[in-house]
Amino acid sequence: MKLSQEIPAATLDEAAFSGLPDWAPSLVVVAIVACAVFLLACLLLLWLVTYRTRDLDRRLRKLDGLEELHALLGRLVSDRGDLDLRRLEHVLVDIRDGQRDVSEQLLRAAESVPMAGEAPAAPASPVGLGERATNRLLAMGYERVQIVTDTPLLDEIGEGDGEILVEAHRQGALHKGRLIVRGGRITDVEVHPTYSTFP
């Protein structure tokens, strides 16, 4: 006679879950599945963070050249530090004034040379004289040019010698003066700002 008897497996399972309700085994299965899903989500999140970190690291490596660019810019600024902007501005003003002088000289030369088929000393018409006076002042950098001399007086000047009184603006300031005409040609321009006449 045997002292111990073997208990069947089904009896053990029933004994293990005998104190639990009927839904307890399915709850254990659900908990295991939930843990597996949670672990899978954690692994996916870890992979995503690693991928994003690598992408960010790759982009930051592209920005490493900024330090070198900053150093090059610093060297360029130090090399060009001897350039004086005021001096450059004065040089540009001198160039502009020289260009105006050249334009004026070219206009004088063009007026003094007769056209082909034209008599050398033929005086210009009064209308042409007013237009030429306006064009001369515009070429010299003046704006809103007005001929003050009356048209009948322009007729007389156009036939010989005289002065054309003008008003014009340059850089916002009013200028007044005269253009000297000799033999129907403009020979000289004397125009000054009005503020220079006051003490």
Protein backbone atom coordinates (compact mmCIF):
# COMPACT_ATOMS: atom_id res chain seq x y z
CA MET A 1 0.00 0.00 0.00
CA LYS A 2 1.32 3.43 -1.07
CA LEU A 3 1.51 6.23 1.45
CA SER A 4 1.20 9.01 -1.04
CA GLN A 5 -1.08 9.08 -3.94
CA GLU A 6 -0.48 11.03 -7.03
CA ILE A 7 -2.86 13.89 -7.52
CA PRO A 8 -3.86 14.47 -11.14
CA ALA A 9 -2.80 17.76 -12.83
CA ALA A 10 -6.34 18.89 -13.39
CA THR A 11 -6.91 18.59 -9.67
CA LEU A 12 -3.84 20.83 -9.00
CA ASP A 13 -5.10 23.52 -11.36
CA GLU A 14 -8.47 23.44 -9.77
CA ALA A 15 -6.86 23.60 -6.35
CA ALA A 16 -4.70 26.59 -7.33
CA PHE A 17 -7.63 28.60 -8.65
CA SER A 18 -10.25 27.23 -6.29
CA GLY A 19 -10.30 30.39 -4.15
CA LEU A 20 -10.35 32.82 -7.11
CA PRO A 21 -13.34 33.90 -9.13
CA ASP A 22 -13.96 32.48 -12.61
CA TRP A 23 -12.65 35.59 -14.50
CA ALA A 24 -9.26 35.61 -12.73
CA PRO A 25 -7.38 33.52 -15.34
CA SER A 26 -8.50 35.85 -18.15
CA LEU A 27 -7.38 38.85 -16.06
CA VAL A 28 -3.87 37.39 -15.82
CA VAL A 29 -3.77 36.92 -19.58
CA VAL A 30 -4.92 40.53 -20.12
CA ALA A 31 -2.23 41.78 -17.70
CA ILE A 32 0.47 39.83 -19.56
CA VAL A 33 -0.70 41.21 -22.92
CA ALA A 34 -0.81 44.76 -21.49
CA CYS A 35 2.75 44.39 -20.19
CA ALA A 36 3.90 43.12 -23.58
CA VAL A 37 2.21 46.07 -25.37
CA PHE A 38 3.76 48.50 -22.85
CA LEU A 39 7.22 47.00 -23.40
CA LEU A 40 6.74 47.17 -27.17
CA ALA A 41 5.67 50.86 -26.92
CA CYS A 42 8.73 51.61 -24.75
CA LEU A 43 11.01 49.95 -27.31
CA LEU A 44 9.36 51.91 -30.12
CA LEU A 45 9.74 55.18 -28.19
CA LEU A 46 13.39 54.38 -27.45
CA TRP A 47 14.04 53.72 -31.16
CA LEU A 48 12.29 56.98 -32.13
CA VAL A 49 14.34 59.01 -29.62
CA THR A 50 17.56 57.39 -30.87
CA TYR A 51 16.66 58.14 -34.48
CA ARG A 52 15.79 61.76 -33.69
CA THR A 53 19.02 62.17 -31.69
CA ARG A 54 21.08 60.89 -34.62
CA ASP A 55 19.23 63.25 -36.99
CA LEU A 56 19.80 66.20 -34.64
CA ASP A 57 23.45 65.27 -34.25
CA ARG A 58 23.87 65.14 -38.03
CA ARG A 59 22.30 68.60 -38.38
CA LEU A 60 24.47 70.03 -35.61
CA ARG A 61 27.58 68.73 -37.36
CA LYS A 62 26.62 70.88 -40.36
CA LEU A 63 26.67 73.93 -38.07
CA ASP A 64 30.23 73.23 -36.96
CA GLY A 65 31.41 75.31 -39.92
CA LEU A 66 29.88 78.43 -38.33
CA GLU A 67 32.81 78.78 -35.96
CA GLU A 68 35.22 78.75 -38.89
CA LEU A 69 33.04 81.24 -40.76
CA HIS A 70 32.98 83.51 -37.71
CA ALA A 71 36.78 83.38 -37.49
CA LEU A 72 37.11 84.20 -41.21
CA LEU A 73 34.70 87.11 -40.84
CA GLY A 74 36.69 88.42 -37.89
CA ARG A 75 39.89 88.29 -39.92
CA LEU A 76 38.18 90.06 -42.84
CA VAL A 77 36.93 92.84 -40.57
CA SER A 78 40.36 93.30 -39.01
CA ASP A 79 42.03 93.37 -42.46
CA ARG A 80 39.57 95.97 -43.74
CA GLY A 81 39.66 98.08 -40.60
CA ASP A 82 41.91 100.61 -42.30
CA LEU A 83 39.08 101.64 -44.66
CA ASP A 84 37.66 104.95 -43.51
CA LEU A 85 34.05 105.42 -44.58
CA ARG A 86 34.29 109.21 -44.31
CA ARG A 87 37.26 109.20 -46.67
CA LEU A 88 35.37 107.00 -49.13
CA GLU A 89 32.38 109.33 -48.95
CA HIS A 90 34.60 112.34 -49.76
CA VAL A 91 36.16 110.48 -52.68
CA LEU A 92 32.70 109.67 -54.06
CA VAL A 93 31.63 113.33 -53.69
CA ASP A 94 34.78 114.42 -55.54
CA ILE A 95 34.04 111.94 -58.34
CA ARG A 96 30.46 113.23 -58.60
CA ASP A 97 31.61 116.85 -58.73
CA GLY A 98 34.21 115.98 -61.35
CA GLN A 99 31.58 114.24 -63.43
CA ARG A 100 29.38 117.35 -63.28
CA ASP A 101 32.31 119.50 -64.38
CA VAL A 102 32.98 117.17 -67.30
CA SER A 103 29.29 117.28 -68.28
CA GLU A 104 29.34 121.06 -68.17
CA GLN A 105 32.50 121.24 -70.28
CA LEU A 106 30.98 118.85 -72.82
CA LEU A 107 27.85 120.99 -73.04
CA ARG A 108 29.95 124.11 -73.57
CA ALA A 109 31.97 122.36 -76.27
CA ALA A 110 28.80 121.12 -77.97
CA GLU A 111 27.32 124.61 -77.99
CA SER A 112 30.45 126.22 -79.37
CA VAL A 113 30.83 123.81 -82.29
CA PRO A 114 28.44 124.63 -85.17
CA MET A 115 26.33 121.86 -86.66
CA ALA A 116 27.03 120.62 -90.17
CA GLY A 117 25.67 123.11 -92.68
CA GLU A 118 25.21 125.79 -90.03
CA ALA A 119 26.96 129.13 -90.08
CA PRO A 120 29.62 129.29 -87.35
CA ALA A 121 28.33 132.41 -85.59
CA ALA A 122 24.61 131.83 -86.06
CA PRO A 123 22.82 132.83 -82.87
CA ALA A 124 20.41 130.36 -81.37
CA SER A 125 16.67 131.00 -81.31
CA PRO A 126 15.22 132.42 -78.07
CA VAL A 127 13.21 129.26 -77.37
CA GLY A 128 16.32 127.15 -77.94
CA LEU A 129 18.29 129.44 -75.64
CA GLY A 130 15.83 128.91 -72.75
CA GLU A 131 15.84 125.15 -73.32
CA ARG A 132 19.62 125.07 -73.46
CA ALA A 133 19.82 127.07 -70.21
CA THR A 134 17.46 124.61 -68.52
CA ASN A 135 19.38 121.60 -69.88
CA ARG A 136 22.69 123.08 -68.71
CA LEU A 137 21.41 123.49 -65.14
CA LEU A 138 19.83 120.02 -65.13
CA ALA A 139 23.15 118.54 -66.24
CA MET A 140 24.85 120.33 -63.37
CA GLY A 141 22.53 118.60 -60.86
CA TYR A 142 19.90 121.28 -60.34
CA GLU A 143 16.19 120.49 -60.18
CA ARG A 144 12.97 122.48 -60.79
CA VAL A 145 14.75 124.99 -62.99
CA GLN A 146 12.81 128.20 -63.73
CA ILE A 147 13.85 130.89 -66.19
CA VAL A 148 13.15 134.26 -64.49
CA THR A 149 14.09 136.41 -67.49
CA ASP A 150 11.05 137.42 -69.59
CA THR A 151 10.63 136.02 -73.10
CA PRO A 152 11.02 139.42 -74.87
CA LEU A 153 14.37 139.88 -73.11
CA LEU A 154 15.33 136.32 -74.13
CA ASP A 155 14.71 137.41 -77.75
CA GLU A 156 17.25 140.19 -77.38
CA ILE A 157 19.77 137.97 -75.57
CA GLY A 158 19.37 135.28 -78.23
CA GLU A 159 20.50 137.78 -80.87
CA GLY A 160 23.59 138.92 -79.00
CA ASP A 161 24.93 139.15 -75.45
CA GLY A 162 23.26 139.23 -72.04
CA GLU A 163 22.33 137.34 -68.89
CA ILE A 164 19.55 134.86 -68.20
CA LEU A 165 18.27 135.00 -64.60
CA VAL A 166 17.37 131.59 -63.18
CA GLU A 167 16.11 129.89 -60.03
CA ALA A 168 16.67 126.21 -59.29
CA HIS A 169 16.89 123.75 -56.42
CA ARG A 170 19.78 121.48 -55.46
CA GLN A 171 19.71 119.12 -52.48
CA GLY A 172 16.55 120.82 -51.22
CA ALA A 173 18.02 124.35 -51.18
CA LEU A 174 16.92 127.21 -53.43
CA HIS A 175 19.64 128.56 -55.73
CA LYS A 176 19.50 131.78 -57.72
CA GLY A 177 21.86 133.15 -60.32
CA ARG A 178 22.53 133.92 -63.93
CA LEU A 179 23.83 132.36 -67.09
CA ILE A 180 26.13 134.58 -69.17
CA VAL A 181 25.39 134.54 -72.91
CA ARG A 182 27.90 135.79 -75.50
CA GLY A 183 27.03 135.70 -79.17
CA GLY A 184 23.93 133.58 -78.50
CA ARG A 185 25.97 130.93 -76.64
CA ILE A 186 26.00 130.19 -72.88
CA THR A 187 29.56 130.91 -71.79
CA ASP A 188 29.35 130.87 -68.00
CA VAL A 189 27.05 129.81 -65.14
CA GLU A 190 26.93 131.72 -61.85
CA VAL A 191 24.34 130.12 -59.56
CA HIS A 192 24.61 130.21 -55.76
CA PRO A 193 22.41 129.05 -52.86
CA THR A 194 20.19 131.76 -51.40
CA TYR A 195 21.28 131.02 -47.82
CA SER A 196 24.86 132.08 -48.69
CA THR A 197 23.67 135.68 -49.14
CA PHE A 198 22.71 136.01 -45.46
CA PRO A 199 25.34 136.79 -42.80
